[in-house]
Protein backbone atom coordinates (compact mmCIF):
# COMPACT_ATOMS: atom_id res chain seq x y z
CA UNK A 1 16.72 10.98 -13.08
CA UNK A 2 16.15 14.71 -12.98
CA UNK A 3 17.55 15.80 -16.36
CA UNK A 4 15.81 15.65 -19.68
CA UNK A 5 18.68 13.76 -21.31
CA UNK A 6 18.67 11.03 -18.68
CA UNK A 7 14.91 10.65 -18.84
CA UNK A 8 14.97 10.56 -22.63
CA UNK A 9 17.37 7.62 -22.55
CA UNK A 10 15.20 5.91 -19.95
CA UNK A 11 12.00 6.39 -21.97
CA UNK A 12 13.63 4.66 -24.91
CA UNK A 13 15.17 1.88 -22.79
CA UNK A 14 11.86 0.77 -21.24
CA UNK A 15 9.79 1.57 -24.36
CA UNK A 16 7.68 4.28 -22.78
CA UNK A 17 8.63 6.17 -25.93
CA UNK A 18 10.44 5.29 -29.12
CA UNK A 19 9.12 1.98 -30.46
CA UNK A 20 6.24 1.19 -28.09
CA UNK A 21 4.05 -1.80 -27.35
CA UNK A 22 0.96 -0.33 -29.02
CA UNK A 23 0.59 -1.60 -32.57
CA UNK A 24 0.08 0.55 -35.62
CA UNK A 25 -3.01 -1.52 -36.38
CA UNK A 26 -4.57 -0.61 -33.01
CA UNK A 27 -3.77 3.07 -33.47
CA UNK A 28 -5.26 3.23 -36.96
CA UNK A 29 -8.34 1.35 -35.79
CA UNK A 30 -8.84 3.95 -33.04
CA UNK A 31 -8.52 6.78 -35.57
CA UNK A 32 -11.16 5.16 -37.80
CA UNK A 33 -13.53 4.72 -34.86
CA UNK A 34 -12.95 8.29 -33.66
CA UNK A 35 -13.66 9.62 -37.16
CA UNK A 36 -16.92 7.63 -37.06
CA UNK A 37 -17.74 9.22 -33.67
CA UNK A 38 -17.73 5.91 -31.80
CA UNK A 39 -18.28 6.83 -28.11
CA UNK A 40 -15.90 4.06 -27.01
CA UNK A 41 -13.07 6.07 -28.56
CA UNK A 42 -14.42 9.60 -28.01
CA UNK A 43 -14.33 8.82 -24.24
CA UNK A 44 -16.13 12.00 -23.30
CA UNK A 45 -14.89 14.47 -25.92
CA UNK A 46 -17.49 16.00 -28.23
CA UNK A 47 -15.31 17.19 -31.12
CA UNK A 48 -16.01 20.54 -32.72
CA UNK A 49 -14.00 19.78 -35.86
CA UNK A 50 -14.70 17.18 -38.54
CA UNK A 51 -11.61 15.08 -37.66
CA UNK A 52 -11.47 12.56 -40.47
CA UNK A 53 -8.92 9.78 -40.44
CA UNK A 54 -6.28 11.79 -42.31
CA UNK A 55 -6.79 14.75 -39.96
CA UNK A 56 -6.31 12.50 -36.96
CA UNK A 57 -3.22 10.88 -38.43
CA UNK A 58 -1.73 14.32 -39.00
CA UNK A 59 -2.57 15.42 -35.47
CA UNK A 60 -1.08 12.28 -33.91
CA UNK A 61 2.06 12.67 -36.02
CA UNK A 62 2.38 16.22 -34.69
CA UNK A 63 1.57 15.45 -31.05
CA UNK A 64 3.12 11.98 -30.65
CA UNK A 65 5.54 11.49 -33.52
CA UNK A 66 3.75 8.55 -35.16
CA UNK A 67 4.27 8.11 -38.88
CA UNK A 68 2.09 10.43 -40.93
CA UNK A 69 2.19 8.01 -43.88
CA UNK A 70 -1.25 6.33 -44.27
CA UNK A 71 0.47 3.51 -46.17
CA UNK A 72 2.26 2.50 -42.96
CA UNK A 73 -0.34 0.10 -41.60
CA UNK A 74 1.43 -2.51 -39.47
CA UNK A 75 4.11 -3.09 -36.86
CA UNK A 76 4.80 -1.30 -33.57
CA UNK A 77 3.86 2.34 -33.28
CA UNK A 78 6.31 5.08 -32.33
CA UNK A 79 6.34 7.98 -29.86
CA UNK A 80 8.95 10.72 -30.17
CA UNK A 81 10.63 11.03 -26.73
CA UNK A 82 11.24 14.75 -27.30
CA UNK A 83 7.49 15.27 -27.54
CA UNK A 84 7.02 13.24 -24.36
CA UNK A 85 9.57 15.37 -22.51
CA UNK A 86 8.06 18.63 -23.72
CA UNK A 87 4.60 17.53 -22.64
CA UNK A 88 5.88 16.29 -19.26
CA UNK A 89 7.39 19.73 -18.66
CA UNK A 90 4.03 21.36 -19.42
CA UNK A 91 2.29 18.76 -17.23
CA UNK A 92 4.70 19.53 -14.38
CA UNK A 93 4.00 23.22 -14.81
CA UNK A 94 0.28 22.65 -14.19
CA UNK A 95 1.03 20.49 -11.15
CA UNK A 96 3.32 23.19 -9.77
CA UNK A 97 0.69 25.89 -10.32
CA UNK A 98 -1.90 23.83 -8.47
CA UNK A 99 0.52 23.35 -5.58
CA UNK A 100 1.29 27.07 -5.33
CA UNK A 101 -2.43 27.89 -5.23
CA UNK A 102 -3.28 25.09 -2.83
CA UNK A 103 -5.92 24.12 -5.37
CA UNK A 104 -8.31 21.19 -4.90
CA UNK A 105 -7.34 18.38 -7.27
CA UNK A 106 -9.08 15.23 -8.51
CA UNK A 107 -7.14 12.20 -9.77
CA UNK A 108 -8.57 9.30 -11.76
CA UNK A 109 -7.28 6.49 -13.95
CA UNK A 110 -8.64 3.93 -16.33
CA UNK A 111 -5.33 2.06 -16.03
CA UNK A 112 -5.14 1.31 -12.29
CA UNK A 113 -2.93 -1.75 -12.77
CA UNK A 114 -0.32 0.36 -14.56
CA UNK A 115 -0.63 4.01 -13.61
CA UNK A 116 -1.94 4.09 -10.04
CA UNK A 117 1.53 4.53 -8.54
CA UNK A 118 2.42 7.38 -10.92
CA UNK A 119 -0.62 9.39 -9.89
CA UNK A 120 -0.40 8.45 -6.21
CA UNK A 121 3.08 9.94 -5.95
CA UNK A 122 1.78 13.20 -7.39
CA UNK A 123 -1.27 13.15 -5.12
CA UNK A 124 0.90 12.65 -2.04
CA UNK A 125 3.13 15.58 -2.98
CA UNK A 126 0.18 17.89 -3.72
CA UNK A 127 -1.47 16.94 -0.44
CA UNK A 128 1.75 17.72 1.41
CA UNK A 129 1.82 21.10 -0.37
CA UNK A 130 -1.64 21.94 1.01
CA UNK A 131 -3.90 20.83 -1.83
CA UNK A 132 -7.15 19.04 -1.07
CA UNK A 133 -7.05 15.75 -3.03
CA UNK A 134 -10.74 15.04 -3.57
CA UNK A 135 -12.49 11.65 -3.39
CA UNK A 136 -16.16 12.36 -4.26
CA UNK A 137 -18.79 9.71 -5.09
CA UNK A 138 -16.97 6.86 -3.42
CA UNK A 139 -19.09 3.71 -3.68
CA UNK A 140 -21.57 5.14 -6.18
CA UNK A 141 -22.59 2.75 -8.93
CA UNK A 142 -22.37 3.48 -12.64
CA UNK A 143 -23.36 1.29 -15.59
CA UNK A 144 -20.53 1.14 -18.11
CA UNK A 145 -20.73 -0.38 -21.59
CA UNK A 146 -17.69 -2.61 -22.19
CA UNK A 147 -16.74 -5.08 -24.91
CA UNK A 148 -18.43 -7.72 -22.73
CA UNK A 149 -21.69 -5.80 -22.44
CA UNK A 150 -23.16 -3.50 -19.80
CA UNK A 151 -21.34 -3.82 -16.46
CA UNK A 152 -22.33 -2.25 -13.17
CA UNK A 153 -19.25 -0.74 -11.55
CA UNK A 154 -18.56 1.27 -8.42
CA UNK A 155 -16.50 4.45 -8.22
CA UNK A 156 -13.75 3.88 -5.69
CA UNK A 157 -10.45 5.41 -4.59
CA UNK A 158 -7.12 3.78 -3.84
CA UNK A 159 -4.48 6.11 -2.41
CA UNK A 160 -6.92 8.92 -3.35
CA UNK A 161 -6.84 7.97 -7.04
CA UNK A 162 -10.25 7.46 -8.62
CA UNK A 163 -10.96 4.19 -10.42
CA UNK A 164 -13.81 1.77 -10.95
CA UNK A 165 -14.38 -1.73 -9.66
CA UNK A 166 -16.89 -4.23 -10.92
CA UNK A 167 -19.73 -4.67 -8.46
CA UNK A 168 -20.97 -8.08 -7.44
CA UNK A 169 -23.47 -8.87 -4.71
CA UNK A 170 -23.57 -5.19 -3.81
CA UNK A 171 -19.89 -5.10 -2.93
CA UNK A 172 -16.97 -3.77 -4.99
CA UNK A 173 -14.48 -6.39 -6.10
CA UNK A 174 -11.51 -6.86 -8.44
CA UNK A 175 -8.27 -5.42 -7.11
CA UNK A 176 -6.88 -2.92 -7.85
CA UNK A 177 -9.62 -1.87 -10.24
CA UNK A 178 -10.65 -2.45 -13.84
CA UNK A 179 -9.44 -1.03 -17.14
CA UNK A 180 -11.96 1.64 -18.13
CA UNK A 181 -12.24 4.23 -20.90
CA UNK A 182 -15.63 5.65 -19.93
CA UNK A 183 -16.17 9.30 -18.92
CA UNK A 184 -19.10 8.29 -16.68
CA UNK A 185 -17.01 7.83 -13.49
CA UNK A 186 -15.65 11.37 -13.58
CA UNK A 187 -19.09 12.78 -14.39
CA UNK A 188 -20.51 10.97 -11.36
CA UNK A 189 -17.62 12.19 -9.21
CA UNK A 190 -18.03 15.81 -10.30
CA UNK A 191 -21.78 15.68 -9.80
CA UNK A 192 -21.28 14.30 -6.29
CA UNK A 193 -18.78 17.03 -5.46
CA UNK A 194 -21.24 19.69 -6.60
CA UNK A 195 -24.17 18.09 -4.76
CA UNK A 196 -22.15 17.81 -1.55
CA UNK A 197 -21.39 21.50 -1.45
CA UNK A 198 -17.67 20.79 -1.07
CA UNK A 199 -14.90 22.16 -3.27
CA UNK A 200 -14.85 21.37 -6.98
CA UNK A 201 -11.49 20.45 -8.48
CA UNK A 202 -9.46 23.21 -10.07
CA UNK A 203 -7.38 20.54 -11.80
CA UNK A 204 -8.24 16.98 -12.89
CA UNK A 205 -5.29 14.65 -13.48
CA UNK A 206 -5.48 11.23 -15.06
CA UNK A 207 -6.14 9.47 -18.35
CA UNK A 208 -8.88 8.18 -20.62
CA UNK A 209 -12.40 9.26 -19.68
CA UNK A 210 -11.32 10.98 -16.45
CA UNK A 211 -9.46 13.62 -18.45
CA UNK A 212 -11.75 13.85 -21.47
CA UNK A 213 -14.96 13.81 -19.44
CA UNK A 214 -13.70 16.53 -17.10
CA UNK A 215 -12.28 18.65 -19.91
CA UNK A 216 -15.52 18.48 -21.87
CA UNK A 217 -17.34 19.83 -18.80
CA UNK A 218 -14.99 22.81 -18.58
CA UNK A 219 -12.61 21.64 -15.85
CA UNK A 220 -8.88 22.03 -16.40
CA UNK A 221 -7.62 18.54 -17.18
CA UNK A 222 -4.20 17.04 -17.87
CA UNK A 223 -3.10 13.48 -18.44
CA UNK A 224 -1.24 10.68 -20.18
CA UNK A 225 -2.27 9.13 -23.50
CA UNK A 226 -1.02 6.40 -25.82
CA UNK A 227 -0.94 6.46 -29.63
CA UNK A 228 -4.34 4.75 -29.74
CA UNK A 229 -5.96 7.44 -27.55
CA UNK A 230 -6.65 10.26 -30.03
CA UNK A 231 -9.39 11.80 -27.87
CA UNK A 232 -6.99 13.48 -25.44
CA UNK A 233 -4.97 15.01 -28.27
CA UNK A 234 -8.10 16.23 -30.06
CA UNK A 235 -9.23 17.68 -26.73
CA UNK A 236 -5.88 19.43 -26.40
CA UNK A 237 -6.04 20.74 -29.97
CA UNK A 238 -9.54 22.11 -29.37
CA UNK A 239 -8.71 23.61 -25.97
CA UNK A 240 -10.59 21.26 -23.65
CA UNK A 241 -7.55 19.34 -22.41
CA UNK A 242 -4.67 21.47 -21.13
CA UNK A 243 -1.87 18.92 -21.53
CA UNK A 244 -1.79 15.45 -23.11
CA UNK A 245 1.48 13.58 -22.56
CA UNK A 246 2.26 10.98 -25.26
CA UNK A 247 3.54 7.81 -23.59
CA UNK A 248 2.90 4.07 -23.65
CA UNK A 249 0.27 3.62 -20.93
CA UNK A 250 0.55 -0.15 -20.52
CA UNK A 251 4.10 -1.00 -19.44
CA UNK A 252 5.06 -2.25 -15.97
CA UNK A 253 3.82 -0.02 -13.18
CA UNK A 254 7.28 0.50 -11.67
CA UNK A 255 8.55 1.89 -14.98
CA UNK A 256 6.56 5.09 -14.34
CA UNK A 257 8.34 5.94 -11.07
CA UNK A 258 11.09 8.00 -12.77
CA UNK A 259 8.34 10.01 -14.49
CA UNK A 260 6.82 10.83 -11.10
CA UNK A 261 10.20 11.98 -9.79
CA UNK A 262 10.84 14.05 -12.92
CA UNK A 263 7.46 15.78 -12.75
CA UNK A 264 7.81 16.56 -9.04
CA UNK A 265 11.27 18.01 -9.53
CA UNK A 266 10.11 20.15 -12.43
CA UNK A 267 7.13 21.24 -10.35
CA UNK A 268 9.47 22.16 -7.47
CA UNK A 269 7.86 19.60 -5.18
CA UNK A 270 9.39 16.81 -3.14
CA UNK A 271 7.86 13.34 -3.04
């Protein structure tokens, strides 16, 4: 599935774009919380602009293709597949540049159950191209505030993709990792890389707090984001995130494999 037309049809068929699984209610709730500067939705971005609810709705209409009508308040949300394809091309361009430079790269995901395979395919290809895929701070603990309260988690890596696991009895558990929006894991990872005297990433690839947290600290960051993740698109609009790809981030993990192949082909890499 190397052509844009074929991938466009695929995105619509599996609901990675078009009418997606994320509800309009969830998206609007996220925009309200972001406008109120709720850290659970800022996920590491410190906005420079005011970004009221109407501003965010306009931005998400521009970046994702959601309805700009504030009176549309229910039902499934929508992602324009043309915007997804354009962003994937830009995303692939950054991956290709990193490969040509042999740049050190850091990967991390807050959606390990869904997106681990997508990132792992990219990490394997970049490693084969001579890039150092970094895994700093493995095993370090971080306290993360979740809807269930404060949880102690451990930074871990599976197939060189950063994620967090809940810690119990001093040992990481919960395969393959937990859903996490927090920017704390990437901050811990970047601090560990700096403390260790090893290379710092020239590109951070991922989603949620891994992208926003890294971008806020001045690292080049690219990633995937759903319609209820306005932080990445605000970060892109304000220049702290290089590329935010609008896509449903919670479909079956195998549905992302064609995206990996498309990105690698556009980046002139083989998997």
